[in-house]
Amino acid sequence: MKKRVLVVEDDSAVLEAVRLMLKDEFEVIVATNGIEAVRIYEAYKPDLVLMDIMLPTMDGVEATKEITKRDKNAKIVAVTAYATKRGKEILDAGAKEVVEKPFTRKKLLETVRKYAGS
């Protein structure tokens, strides 16, 4: 059975690119804002969450705090263009690692395999 990855991203082009990079190896579910991310995490308990920071309704830092409050074993990796500005903040919120945008398919797959297994 494929490991399940929740991709939280409000940019539809980035979301689709990430989905395409992962779909052969992982079951990909998506959320486009922080509130949806928390709800979908609760419902599906994915093996890994790829969390953007800049999101509508609830940003990635807040969503990470909410998810880790509910599940202290949640594995969340931040995927963001704001790594230098807000990377420490999301790590403090409970993310395991920060992957900076733009990233390569190789880097993304390595990171996902590291935390979700394959």
PDB file of N, CA and C in Angstrom:
ATOM      1  N   MET A   1       0.832  -1.189   0.000  1.00  0.00           N
ATOM      2  CA  MET A   1       0.000   0.000   0.000  1.00  0.00           C
ATOM      3  C   MET A   1       0.879   1.256   0.000  1.00  0.00           C
ATOM      4  N   LYS A   2       0.498   2.227  -0.797  1.00  0.00           N
ATOM      5  CA  LYS A   2       1.272   3.471  -0.870  1.00  0.00           C
ATOM      6  C   LYS A   2       1.124   4.272   0.412  1.00  0.00           C
ATOM      7  N   LYS A   3       2.198   4.949   0.790  1.00  0.00           N
ATOM      8  CA  LYS A   3       2.153   5.877   1.915  1.00  0.00           C
ATOM      9  C   LYS A   3       1.349   7.098   1.466  1.00  0.00           C
ATOM     10  N   ARG A   4       0.666   7.715   2.423  1.00  0.00           N
ATOM     11  CA  ARG A   4      -0.204   8.854   2.119  1.00  0.00           C
ATOM     12  C   ARG A   4       0.476  10.160   2.491  1.00  0.00           C
ATOM     13  N   VAL A   5       0.495  11.101   1.529  1.00  0.00           N
ATOM     14  CA  VAL A   5       1.102  12.413   1.745  1.00  0.00           C
ATOM     15  C   VAL A   5       0.043  13.490   1.520  1.00  0.00           C
ATOM     16  N   LEU A   6      -0.103  14.349   2.513  1.00  0.00           N
ATOM     17  CA  LEU A   6      -0.995  15.502   2.387  1.00  0.00           C
ATOM     18  C   LEU A   6      -0.170  16.698   1.929  1.00  0.00           C
ATOM     19  N   VAL A   7      -0.517  17.250   0.783  1.00  0.00           N
ATOM     20  CA  VAL A   7       0.181  18.420   0.245  1.00  0.00           C
ATOM     21  C   VAL A   7      -0.711  19.640   0.489  1.00  0.00           C
ATOM     22  N   VAL A   8      -0.189  20.599   1.259  1.00  0.00           N
ATOM     23  CA  VAL A   8      -0.933  21.815   1.582  1.00  0.00           C
ATOM     24  C   VAL A   8      -0.295  22.977   0.842  1.00  0.00           C
ATOM     25  N   GLU A   9      -1.017  23.490  -0.164  1.00  0.00           N
ATOM     26  CA  GLU A   9      -0.442  24.503  -1.060  1.00  0.00           C
ATOM     27  C   GLU A   9      -1.588  25.263  -1.711  1.00  0.00           C
ATOM     28  N   ASP A  10      -1.539  26.611  -1.653  1.00  0.00           N
ATOM     29  CA  ASP A  10      -2.629  27.401  -2.235  1.00  0.00           C
ATOM     30  C   ASP A  10      -2.394  27.780  -3.694  1.00  0.00           C
ATOM     31  N   ASP A  11      -1.193  27.569  -4.204  1.00  0.00           N
ATOM     32  CA  ASP A  11      -0.891  27.859  -5.607  1.00  0.00           C
ATOM     33  C   ASP A  11      -1.182  26.601  -6.429  1.00  0.00           C
ATOM     34  N   SER A  12      -2.210  26.667  -7.273  1.00  0.00           N
ATOM     35  CA  SER A  12      -2.639  25.462  -7.991  1.00  0.00           C
ATOM     36  C   SER A  12      -1.556  24.887  -8.903  1.00  0.00           C
ATOM     37  N   ALA A  13      -0.713  25.726  -9.481  1.00  0.00           N
ATOM     38  CA  ALA A  13       0.358  25.230 -10.358  1.00  0.00           C
ATOM     39  C   ALA A  13       1.396  24.446  -9.555  1.00  0.00           C
ATOM     40  N   VAL A  14       1.772  24.981  -8.394  1.00  0.00           N
ATOM     41  CA  VAL A  14       2.741  24.290  -7.524  1.00  0.00           C
ATOM     42  C   VAL A  14       2.123  22.992  -6.996  1.00  0.00           C
ATOM     43  N   LEU A  15       0.862  23.073  -6.593  1.00  0.00           N
ATOM     44  CA  LEU A  15       0.149  21.904  -6.081  1.00  0.00           C
ATOM     45  C   LEU A  15       0.149  20.772  -7.108  1.00  0.00           C
ATOM     46  N   GLU A  16      -0.177  21.108  -8.343  1.00  0.00           N
ATOM     47  CA  GLU A  16      -0.216  20.102  -9.408  1.00  0.00           C
ATOM     48  C   GLU A  16       1.177  19.554  -9.695  1.00  0.00           C
ATOM     49  N   ALA A  17       2.190  20.412  -9.690  1.00  0.00           N
ATOM     50  CA  ALA A  17       3.565  19.950  -9.931  1.00  0.00           C
ATOM     51  C   ALA A  17       3.997  18.956  -8.854  1.00  0.00           C
ATOM     52  N   VAL A  18       3.721  19.275  -7.599  1.00  0.00           N
ATOM     53  CA  VAL A  18       4.090  18.389  -6.490  1.00  0.00           C
ATOM     54  C   VAL A  18       3.317  17.076  -6.599  1.00  0.00           C
ATOM     55  N   ARG A  19       2.023  17.165  -6.907  1.00  0.00           N
ATOM     56  CA  ARG A  19       1.203  15.962  -7.052  1.00  0.00           C
ATOM     57  C   ARG A  19       1.783  15.038  -8.131  1.00  0.00           C
ATOM     58  N   LEU A  20       2.160  15.617  -9.256  1.00  0.00           N
ATOM     59  CA  LEU A  20       2.730  14.827 -10.348  1.00  0.00           C
ATOM     60  C   LEU A  20       4.068  14.199  -9.965  1.00  0.00           C
ATOM     61  N   MET A  21       4.873  14.944  -9.192  1.00  0.00           N
ATOM     62  CA  MET A  21       6.176  14.419  -8.759  1.00  0.00           C
ATOM     63  C   MET A  21       6.023  13.212  -7.821  1.00  0.00           C
ATOM     64  N   LEU A  22       4.958  13.200  -7.045  1.00  0.00           N
ATOM     65  CA  LEU A  22       4.792  12.185  -6.003  1.00  0.00           C
ATOM     66  C   LEU A  22       3.858  11.035  -6.357  1.00  0.00           C
ATOM     67  N   LYS A  23       2.949  11.229  -7.306  1.00  0.00           N
ATOM     68  CA  LYS A  23       1.830  10.307  -7.498  1.00  0.00           C
ATOM     69  C   LYS A  23       2.213   8.862  -7.846  1.00  0.00           C
ATOM     70  N   ASP A  24       3.348   8.648  -8.491  1.00  0.00           N
ATOM     71  CA  ASP A  24       3.734   7.273  -8.837  1.00  0.00           C
ATOM     72  C   ASP A  24       4.089   6.459  -7.603  1.00  0.00           C
ATOM     73  N   GLU A  25       4.618   7.133  -6.600  1.00  0.00           N
ATOM     74  CA  GLU A  25       5.137   6.443  -5.418  1.00  0.00           C
ATOM     75  C   GLU A  25       4.259   6.591  -4.172  1.00  0.00           C
ATOM     76  N   PHE A  26       3.447   7.645  -4.133  1.00  0.00           N
ATOM     77  CA  PHE A  26       2.670   7.952  -2.932  1.00  0.00           C
ATOM     78  C   PHE A  26       1.217   8.244  -3.265  1.00  0.00           C
ATOM     79  N   GLU A  27       0.339   8.030  -2.297  1.00  0.00           N
ATOM     80  CA  GLU A  27      -1.044   8.474  -2.428  1.00  0.00           C
ATOM     81  C   GLU A  27      -1.042   9.940  -2.004  1.00  0.00           C
ATOM     82  N   VAL A  28      -1.469  10.825  -2.886  1.00  0.00           N
ATOM     83  CA  VAL A  28      -1.419  12.258  -2.616  1.00  0.00           C
ATOM     84  C   VAL A  28      -2.824  12.796  -2.354  1.00  0.00           C
ATOM     85  N   ILE A  29      -2.980  13.445  -1.199  1.00  0.00           N
ATOM     86  CA  ILE A  29      -4.216  14.166  -0.913  1.00  0.00           C
ATOM     87  C   ILE A  29      -3.840  15.632  -0.743  1.00  0.00           C
ATOM     88  N   VAL A  30      -4.782  16.527  -1.008  1.00  0.00           N
ATOM     89  CA  VAL A  30      -4.426  17.947  -1.042  1.00  0.00           C
ATOM     90  C   VAL A  30      -5.348  18.818  -0.195  1.00  0.00           C
ATOM     91  N   ALA A  31      -4.784  19.937   0.240  1.00  0.00           N
ATOM     92  CA  ALA A  31      -5.535  20.986   0.924  1.00  0.00           C
ATOM     93  C   ALA A  31      -4.999  22.310   0.405  1.00  0.00           C
ATOM     94  N   THR A  32      -5.867  23.311   0.333  1.00  0.00           N
ATOM     95  CA  THR A  32      -5.424  24.595  -0.218  1.00  0.00           C
ATOM     96  C   THR A  32      -5.378  25.709   0.819  1.00  0.00           C
ATOM     97  N   ASN A  33      -5.701  25.400   2.084  1.00  0.00           N
ATOM     98  CA  ASN A  33      -5.542  26.382   3.153  1.00  0.00           C
ATOM     99  C   ASN A  33      -5.320  25.652   4.472  1.00  0.00           C
ATOM    100  N   GLY A  34      -4.965  26.407   5.504  1.00  0.00           N
ATOM    101  CA  GLY A  34      -4.606  25.808   6.786  1.00  0.00           C
ATOM    102  C   GLY A  34      -5.746  25.101   7.498  1.00  0.00           C
ATOM    103  N   ILE A  35      -6.943  25.683   7.431  1.00  0.00           N
ATOM    104  CA  ILE A  35      -8.095  25.078   8.106  1.00  0.00           C
ATOM    105  C   ILE A  35      -8.419  23.724   7.467  1.00  0.00           C
ATOM    106  N   GLU A  36      -8.409  23.706   6.134  1.00  0.00           N
ATOM    107  CA  GLU A  36      -8.644  22.464   5.388  1.00  0.00           C
ATOM    108  C   GLU A  36      -7.566  21.431   5.725  1.00  0.00           C
ATOM    109  N   ALA A  37      -6.330  21.886   5.856  1.00  0.00           N
ATOM    110  CA  ALA A  37      -5.212  20.989   6.170  1.00  0.00           C
ATOM    111  C   ALA A  37      -5.441  20.260   7.490  1.00  0.00           C
ATOM    112  N   VAL A  38      -5.868  20.996   8.509  1.00  0.00           N
ATOM    113  CA  VAL A  38      -6.119  20.400   9.825  1.00  0.00           C
ATOM    114  C   VAL A  38      -7.265  19.392   9.723  1.00  0.00           C
ATOM    115  N   ARG A  39      -8.333  19.783   9.043  1.00  0.00           N
ATOM    116  CA  ARG A  39      -9.498  18.905   8.883  1.00  0.00           C
ATOM    117  C   ARG A  39      -9.123  17.619   8.127  1.00  0.00           C
ATOM    118  N   ILE A  40      -8.409  17.759   7.034  1.00  0.00           N
ATOM    119  CA  ILE A  40      -8.024  16.601   6.231  1.00  0.00           C
ATOM    120  C   ILE A  40      -7.030  15.730   6.993  1.00  0.00           C
ATOM    121  N   TYR A  41      -6.126  16.351   7.746  1.00  0.00           N
ATOM    122  CA  TYR A  41      -5.190  15.559   8.567  1.00  0.00           C
ATOM    123  C   TYR A  41      -5.972  14.674   9.527  1.00  0.00           C
ATOM    124  N   GLU A  42      -6.936  15.257  10.213  1.00  0.00           N
ATOM    125  CA  GLU A  42      -7.767  14.518  11.175  1.00  0.00           C
ATOM    126  C   GLU A  42      -8.469  13.337  10.503  1.00  0.00           C
ATOM    127  N   ALA A  43      -9.011  13.578   9.312  1.00  0.00           N
ATOM    128  CA  ALA A  43      -9.787  12.565   8.609  1.00  0.00           C
ATOM    129  C   ALA A  43      -8.928  11.431   8.043  1.00  0.00           C
ATOM    130  N   TYR A  44      -7.755  11.763   7.508  1.00  0.00           N
ATOM    131  CA  TYR A  44      -6.955  10.780   6.774  1.00  0.00           C
ATOM    132  C   TYR A  44      -5.677  10.330   7.464  1.00  0.00           C
ATOM    133  N   LYS A  45      -5.238  11.024   8.497  1.00  0.00           N
ATOM    134  CA  LYS A  45      -3.992  10.688   9.202  1.00  0.00           C
ATOM    135  C   LYS A  45      -2.868  10.298   8.225  1.00  0.00           C
ATOM    136  N   PRO A  46      -2.459  11.247   7.364  1.00  0.00           N
ATOM    137  CA  PRO A  46      -1.409  10.926   6.384  1.00  0.00           C
ATOM    138  C   PRO A  46      -0.072  10.612   7.059  1.00  0.00           C
ATOM    139  N   ASP A  47       0.789   9.918   6.316  1.00  0.00           N
ATOM    140  CA  ASP A  47       2.118   9.572   6.826  1.00  0.00           C
ATOM    141  C   ASP A  47       3.032  10.786   6.883  1.00  0.00           C
ATOM    142  N   LEU A  48       2.738  11.783   6.038  1.00  0.00           N
ATOM    143  CA  LEU A  48       3.549  12.996   5.972  1.00  0.00           C
ATOM    144  C   LEU A  48       2.702  14.149   5.468  1.00  0.00           C
ATOM    145  N   VAL A  49       2.996  15.351   5.969  1.00  0.00           N
ATOM    146  CA  VAL A  49       2.355  16.567   5.468  1.00  0.00           C
ATOM    147  C   VAL A  49       3.441  17.461   4.872  1.00  0.00           C
ATOM    148  N   LEU A  50       3.233  17.912   3.640  1.00  0.00           N
ATOM    149  CA  LEU A  50       4.094  18.925   3.032  1.00  0.00           C
ATOM    150  C   LEU A  50       3.321  20.229   3.159  1.00  0.00           C
ATOM    151  N   MET A  51       3.820  21.141   3.980  1.00  0.00           N
ATOM    152  CA  MET A  51       3.073  22.335   4.386  1.00  0.00           C
ATOM    153  C   MET A  51       3.697  23.614   3.839  1.00  0.00           C
ATOM    154  N   ASP A  52       2.935  24.336   3.037  1.00  0.00           N
ATOM    155  CA  ASP A  52       3.350  25.680   2.630  1.00  0.00           C
ATOM    156  C   ASP A  52       3.176  26.595   3.847  1.00  0.00           C
ATOM    157  N   ILE A  53       3.884  27.705   3.913  1.00  0.00           N
ATOM    158  CA  ILE A  53       3.719  28.622   5.045  1.00  0.00           C
ATOM    159  C   ILE A  53       2.667  29.688   4.735  1.00  0.00           C
ATOM    160  N   MET A  54       2.764  30.304   3.571  1.00  0.00           N
ATOM    161  CA  MET A  54       1.843  31.390   3.222  1.00  0.00           C
ATOM    162  C   MET A  54       0.559  30.800   2.653  1.00  0.00           C
ATOM    163  N   LEU A  55      -0.468  30.709   3.509  1.00  0.00           N
ATOM    164  CA  LEU A  55      -1.749  30.107   3.120  1.00  0.00           C
ATOM    165  C   LEU A  55      -2.900  31.015   3.544  1.00  0.00           C
ATOM    166  N   PRO A  56      -4.020  30.945   2.816  1.00  0.00           N
ATOM    167  CA  PRO A  56      -5.188  31.719   3.248  1.00  0.00           C
ATOM    168  C   PRO A  56      -5.883  31.056   4.450  1.00  0.00           C
ATOM    169  N   THR A  57      -6.684  31.786   5.137  1.00  0.00           N
ATOM    170  CA  THR A  57      -7.494  31.409   6.316  1.00  0.00           C
ATOM    171  C   THR A  57      -6.701  31.057   7.571  1.00  0.00           C
ATOM    172  N   MET A  58      -5.678  30.262   7.436  1.00  0.00           N
ATOM    173  CA  MET A  58      -4.791  29.918   8.561  1.00  0.00           C
ATOM    174  C   MET A  58      -3.449  29.582   7.931  1.00  0.00           C
ATOM    175  N   ASP A  59      -2.377  30.264   8.338  1.00  0.00           N
ATOM    176  CA  ASP A  59      -1.090  30.006   7.675  1.00  0.00           C
ATOM    177  C   ASP A  59      -0.503  28.667   8.108  1.00  0.00           C
ATOM    178  N   GLY A  60       0.559  28.280   7.412  1.00  0.00           N
ATOM    179  CA  GLY A  60       1.173  26.980   7.653  1.00  0.00           C
ATOM    180  C   GLY A  60       1.733  26.799   9.050  1.00  0.00           C
ATOM    181  N   VAL A  61       2.208  27.886   9.653  1.00  0.00           N
ATOM    182  CA  VAL A  61       2.744  27.804  11.019  1.00  0.00           C
ATOM    183  C   VAL A  61       1.612  27.448  11.989  1.00  0.00           C
ATOM    184  N   GLU A  62       0.483  28.155  11.875  1.00  0.00           N
ATOM    185  CA  GLU A  62      -0.668  27.877  12.743  1.00  0.00           C
ATOM    186  C   GLU A  62      -1.222  26.481  12.498  1.00  0.00           C
ATOM    187  N   ALA A  63      -1.326  26.091  11.228  1.00  0.00           N
ATOM    188  CA  ALA A  63      -1.836  24.757  10.884  1.00  0.00           C
ATOM    189  C   ALA A  63      -0.918  23.674  11.457  1.00  0.00           C
ATOM    190  N   THR A  64       0.396  23.901  11.394  1.00  0.00           N
ATOM    191  CA  THR A  64       1.361  22.957  11.957  1.00  0.00           C
ATOM    192  C   THR A  64       1.162  22.825  13.460  1.00  0.00           C
ATOM    193  N   LYS A  65       0.971  23.960  14.135  1.00  0.00           N
ATOM    194  CA  LYS A  65       0.719  23.930  15.591  1.00  0.00           C
ATOM    195  C   LYS A  65      -0.545  23.135  15.900  1.00  0.00           C
ATOM    196  N   GLU A  66      -1.603  23.375  15.126  1.00  0.00           N
ATOM    197  CA  GLU A  66      -2.879  22.680  15.351  1.00  0.00           C
ATOM    198  C   GLU A  66      -2.745  21.172  15.144  1.00  0.00           C
ATOM    199  N   ILE A  67      -2.063  20.790  14.072  1.00  0.00           N
ATOM    200  CA  ILE A  67      -1.906  19.356  13.776  1.00  0.00           C
ATOM    201  C   ILE A  67      -1.053  18.686  14.845  1.00  0.00           C
ATOM    202  N   THR A  68       0.069  19.314  15.237  1.00  0.00           N
ATOM    203  CA  THR A  68       0.947  18.690  16.231  1.00  0.00           C
ATOM    204  C   THR A  68       0.320  18.679  17.620  1.00  0.00           C
ATOM    205  N   LYS A  69      -0.606  19.606  17.880  1.00  0.00           N
ATOM    206  CA  LYS A  69      -1.341  19.604  19.140  1.00  0.00           C
ATOM    207  C   LYS A  69      -2.238  18.357  19.199  1.00  0.00           C
ATOM    208  N   ARG A  70      -2.823  18.020  18.053  1.00  0.00           N
ATOM    209  CA  ARG A  70      -3.728  16.863  17.979  1.00  0.00           C
ATOM    210  C   ARG A  70      -2.977  15.544  17.874  1.00  0.00           C
ATOM    211  N   ASP A  71      -1.809  15.573  17.236  1.00  0.00           N
ATOM    212  CA  ASP A  71      -1.026  14.352  17.021  1.00  0.00           C
ATOM    213  C   ASP A  71       0.454  14.697  17.172  1.00  0.00           C
ATOM    214  N   LYS A  72       1.004  14.399  18.354  1.00  0.00           N
ATOM    215  CA  LYS A  72       2.405  14.789  18.602  1.00  0.00           C
ATOM    216  C   LYS A  72       3.388  14.018  17.718  1.00  0.00           C
ATOM    217  N   ASN A  73       2.935  12.940  17.075  1.00  0.00           N
ATOM    218  CA  ASN A  73       3.811  12.174  16.182  1.00  0.00           C
ATOM    219  C   ASN A  73       3.661  12.569  14.715  1.00  0.00           C
ATOM    220  N   ALA A  74       2.900  13.610  14.452  1.00  0.00           N
ATOM    221  CA  ALA A  74       2.696  14.056  13.067  1.00  0.00           C
ATOM    222  C   ALA A  74       4.042  14.415  12.439  1.00  0.00           C
ATOM    223  N   LYS A  75       4.215  14.011  11.178  1.00  0.00           N
ATOM    224  CA  LYS A  75       5.433  14.369  10.444  1.00  0.00           C
ATOM    225  C   LYS A  75       5.054  15.448   9.438  1.00  0.00           C
ATOM    226  N   ILE A  76       5.621  16.628   9.646  1.00  0.00           N
ATOM    227  CA  ILE A  76       5.323  17.774   8.790  1.00  0.00           C
ATOM    228  C   ILE A  76       6.630  18.349   8.273  1.00  0.00           C
ATOM    229  N   VAL A  77       6.692  18.564   6.959  1.00  0.00           N
ATOM    230  CA  VAL A  77       7.845  19.216   6.343  1.00  0.00           C
ATOM    231  C   VAL A  77       7.325  20.479   5.677  1.00  0.00           C
ATOM    232  N   ALA A  78       7.937  21.604   6.016  1.00  0.00           N
ATOM    233  CA  ALA A  78       7.551  22.872   5.399  1.00  0.00           C
ATOM    234  C   ALA A  78       8.168  22.955   4.013  1.00  0.00           C
ATOM    235  N   VAL A  79       7.373  23.394   3.040  1.00  0.00           N
ATOM    236  CA  VAL A  79       7.854  23.616   1.675  1.00  0.00           C
ATOM    237  C   VAL A  79       7.493  25.058   1.368  1.00  0.00           C
ATOM    238  N   THR A  80       8.509  25.919   1.335  1.00  0.00           N
ATOM    239  CA  THR A  80       8.201  27.353   1.287  1.00  0.00           C
ATOM    240  C   THR A  80       9.262  28.192   0.601  1.00  0.00           C
ATOM    241  N   ALA A  81       8.825  29.302   0.064  1.00  0.00           N
ATOM    242  CA  ALA A  81       9.759  30.286  -0.488  1.00  0.00           C
ATOM    243  C   ALA A  81      10.257  31.210   0.627  1.00  0.00           C
ATOM    244  N   TYR A  82       9.665  31.070   1.826  1.00  0.00           N
ATOM    245  CA  TYR A  82       9.988  31.953   2.953  1.00  0.00           C
ATOM    246  C   TYR A  82      10.863  31.263   4.002  1.00  0.00           C
ATOM    247  N   ALA A  83      11.709  30.354   3.554  1.00  0.00           N
ATOM    248  CA  ALA A  83      12.540  29.583   4.480  1.00  0.00           C
ATOM    249  C   ALA A  83      13.417  30.466   5.359  1.00  0.00           C
ATOM    250  N   THR A  84      14.028  31.488   4.775  1.00  0.00           N
ATOM    251  CA  THR A  84      14.917  32.324   5.579  1.00  0.00           C
ATOM    252  C   THR A  84      14.136  33.195   6.547  1.00  0.00           C
ATOM    253  N   LYS A  85      12.974  33.706   6.121  1.00  0.00           N
ATOM    254  CA  LYS A  85      12.167  34.573   6.978  1.00  0.00           C
ATOM    255  C   LYS A  85      11.416  33.806   8.057  1.00  0.00           C
ATOM    256  N   ARG A  86      10.825  32.654   7.692  1.00  0.00           N
ATOM    257  CA  ARG A  86       9.909  32.003   8.619  1.00  0.00           C
ATOM    258  C   ARG A  86      10.239  30.546   8.893  1.00  0.00           C
ATOM    259  N   GLY A  87      11.383  30.075   8.410  1.00  0.00           N
ATOM    260  CA  GLY A  87      11.773  28.681   8.609  1.00  0.00           C
ATOM    261  C   GLY A  87      11.862  28.280  10.068  1.00  0.00           C
ATOM    262  N   LYS A  88      12.524  29.112  10.888  1.00  0.00           N
ATOM    263  CA  LYS A  88      12.674  28.795  12.313  1.00  0.00           C
ATOM    264  C   LYS A  88      11.308  28.732  12.995  1.00  0.00           C
ATOM    265  N   GLU A  89      10.438  29.641  12.609  1.00  0.00           N
ATOM    266  CA  GLU A  89       9.098  29.709  13.192  1.00  0.00           C
ATOM    267  C   GLU A  89       8.315  28.402  12.974  1.00  0.00           C
ATOM    268  N   ILE A  90       8.376  27.870  11.756  1.00  0.00           N
ATOM    269  CA  ILE A  90       7.622  26.639  11.488  1.00  0.00           C
ATOM    270  C   ILE A  90       8.310  25.421  12.109  1.00  0.00           C
ATOM    271  N   LEU A  91       9.628  25.451  12.211  1.00  0.00           N
ATOM    272  CA  LEU A  91      10.329  24.364  12.912  1.00  0.00           C
ATOM    273  C   LEU A  91       9.942  24.371  14.391  1.00  0.00           C
ATOM    274  N   ASP A  92       9.879  25.554  14.979  1.00  0.00           N
ATOM    275  CA  ASP A  92       9.456  25.683  16.377  1.00  0.00           C
ATOM    276  C   ASP A  92       8.018  25.205  16.568  1.00  0.00           C
ATOM    277  N   ALA A  93       7.191  25.357  15.528  1.00  0.00           N
ATOM    278  CA  ALA A  93       5.785  24.935  15.588  1.00  0.00           C
ATOM    279  C   ALA A  93       5.641  23.417  15.502  1.00  0.00           C
ATOM    280  N   GLY A  94       6.710  22.735  15.059  1.00  0.00           N
ATOM    281  CA  GLY A  94       6.649  21.278  15.014  1.00  0.00           C
ATOM    282  C   GLY A  94       7.069  20.631  13.709  1.00  0.00           C
ATOM    283  N   ALA A  95       7.409  21.433  12.698  1.00  0.00           N
ATOM    284  CA  ALA A  95       7.873  20.847  11.432  1.00  0.00           C
ATOM    285  C   ALA A  95       9.238  20.183  11.643  1.00  0.00           C
ATOM    286  N   LYS A  96       9.492  19.119  10.882  1.00  0.00           N
ATOM    287  CA  LYS A  96      10.748  18.366  11.003  1.00  0.00           C
ATOM    288  C   LYS A  96      11.871  18.984  10.180  1.00  0.00           C
ATOM    289  N   GLU A  97      11.507  19.641   9.087  1.00  0.00           N
ATOM    290  CA  GLU A  97      12.503  20.154   8.150  1.00  0.00           C
ATOM    291  C   GLU A  97      11.848  21.226   7.287  1.00  0.00           C
ATOM    292  N   VAL A  98      12.678  22.059   6.662  1.00  0.00           N
ATOM    293  CA  VAL A  98      12.176  23.071   5.741  1.00  0.00           C
ATOM    294  C   VAL A  98      12.832  22.839   4.380  1.00  0.00           C
ATOM    295  N   VAL A  99      12.003  22.710   3.353  1.00  0.00           N
ATOM    296  CA  VAL A  99      12.491  22.584   1.977  1.00  0.00           C
ATOM    297  C   VAL A  99      12.162  23.906   1.294  1.00  0.00           C
ATOM    298  N   GLU A 100      13.184  24.528   0.744  1.00  0.00           N
ATOM    299  CA  GLU A 100      12.989  25.845   0.125  1.00  0.00           C
ATOM    300  C   GLU A 100      12.538  25.723  -1.322  1.00  0.00           C
ATOM    301  N   LYS A 101      11.555  26.565  -1.687  1.00  0.00           N
ATOM    302  CA  LYS A 101      11.126  26.670  -3.086  1.00  0.00           C
ATOM    303  C   LYS A 101      12.061  27.645  -3.778  1.00  0.00           C
ATOM    304  N   PRO A 102      12.401  27.434  -5.023  1.00  0.00           N
ATOM    305  CA  PRO A 102      12.059  26.270  -5.830  1.00  0.00           C
ATOM    306  C   PRO A 102      12.922  25.070  -5.443  1.00  0.00           C
ATOM    307  N   PHE A 103      12.389  23.885  -5.599  1.00  0.00           N
ATOM    308  CA  PHE A 103      13.109  22.655  -5.254  1.00  0.00           C
ATOM    309  C   PHE A 103      13.107  21.745  -6.473  1.00  0.00           C
ATOM    310  N   THR A 104      13.976  20.758  -6.459  1.00  0.00           N
ATOM    311  CA  THR A 104      14.015  19.789  -7.561  1.00  0.00           C
ATOM    312  C   THR A 104      13.142  18.581  -7.197  1.00  0.00           C
ATOM    313  N   ARG A 105      12.760  17.828  -8.206  1.00  0.00           N
ATOM    314  CA  ARG A 105      11.982  16.603  -7.975  1.00  0.00           C
ATOM    315  C   ARG A 105      12.802  15.653  -7.092  1.00  0.00           C
ATOM    316  N   LYS A 106      14.103  15.575  -7.368  1.00  0.00           N
ATOM    317  CA  LYS A 106      14.995  14.693  -6.609  1.00  0.00           C
ATOM    318  C   LYS A 106      14.981  15.072  -5.121  1.00  0.00           C
ATOM    319  N   LYS A 107      15.121  16.364  -4.825  1.00  0.00           N
ATOM    320  CA  LYS A 107      15.127  16.841  -3.436  1.00  0.00           C
ATOM    321  C   LYS A 107      13.790  16.539  -2.762  1.00  0.00           C
ATOM    322  N   LEU A 108      12.696  16.792  -3.471  1.00  0.00           N
ATOM    323  CA  LEU A 108      11.374  16.542  -2.905  1.00  0.00           C
ATOM    324  C   LEU A 108      11.176  15.057  -2.586  1.00  0.00           C
ATOM    325  N   LEU A 109      11.500  14.200  -3.544  1.00  0.00           N
ATOM    326  CA  LEU A 109      11.335  12.759  -3.330  1.00  0.00           C
ATOM    327  C   LEU A 109      12.229  12.242  -2.203  1.00  0.00           C
ATOM    328  N   GLU A 110      13.470  12.713  -2.149  1.00  0.00           N
ATOM    329  CA  GLU A 110      14.383  12.308  -1.058  1.00  0.00           C
ATOM    330  C   GLU A 110      13.781  12.658   0.298  1.00  0.00           C
ATOM    331  N   THR A 111      13.256  13.880   0.401  1.00  0.00           N
ATOM    332  CA  THR A 111      12.689  14.351   1.659  1.00  0.00           C
ATOM    333  C   THR A 111      11.433  13.562   2.039  1.00  0.00           C
ATOM    334  N   VAL A 112      10.563  13.355   1.072  1.00  0.00           N
ATOM    335  CA  VAL A 112       9.319  12.611   1.333  1.00  0.00           C
ATOM    336  C   VAL A 112       9.643  11.168   1.741  1.00  0.00           C
ATOM    337  N   ARG A 113      10.564  10.534   1.029  1.00  0.00           N
ATOM    338  CA  ARG A 113      10.947   9.152   1.376  1.00  0.00           C
ATOM    339  C   ARG A 113      11.551   9.086   2.776  1.00  0.00           C
ATOM    340  N   LYS A 114      12.338  10.099   3.119  1.00  0.00           N
ATOM    341  CA  LYS A 114      12.995  10.143   4.428  1.00  0.00           C
ATOM    342  C   LYS A 114      11.978  10.118   5.566  1.00  0.00           C
ATOM    343  N   TYR A 115      10.885  10.864   5.411  1.00  0.00           N
ATOM    344  CA  TYR A 115       9.918  10.969   6.496  1.00  0.00           C
ATOM    345  C   TYR A 115       8.709  10.032   6.368  1.00  0.00           C
ATOM    346  N   ALA A 116       8.293   9.739   5.140  1.00  0.00           N
ATOM    347  CA  ALA A 116       7.102   8.898   4.967  1.00  0.00           C
ATOM    348  C   ALA A 116       7.471   7.444   4.720  1.00  0.00           C
ATOM    349  N   GLY A 117       8.731   7.221   4.355  1.00  0.00           N
ATOM    350  CA  GLY A 117       9.091   5.884   3.881  1.00  0.00           C
ATOM    351  C   GLY A 117       8.537   5.745   2.478  1.00  0.00           C
ATOM    352  N   SER A 118       8.676   4.575   1.865  1.00  0.00           N
ATOM    353  CA  SER A 118       8.108   4.425   0.516  1.00  0.00           C
ATOM    354  C   SER A 118       7.589   3.028   0.317  1.00  0.00           C
TER     355      SER A 118
END
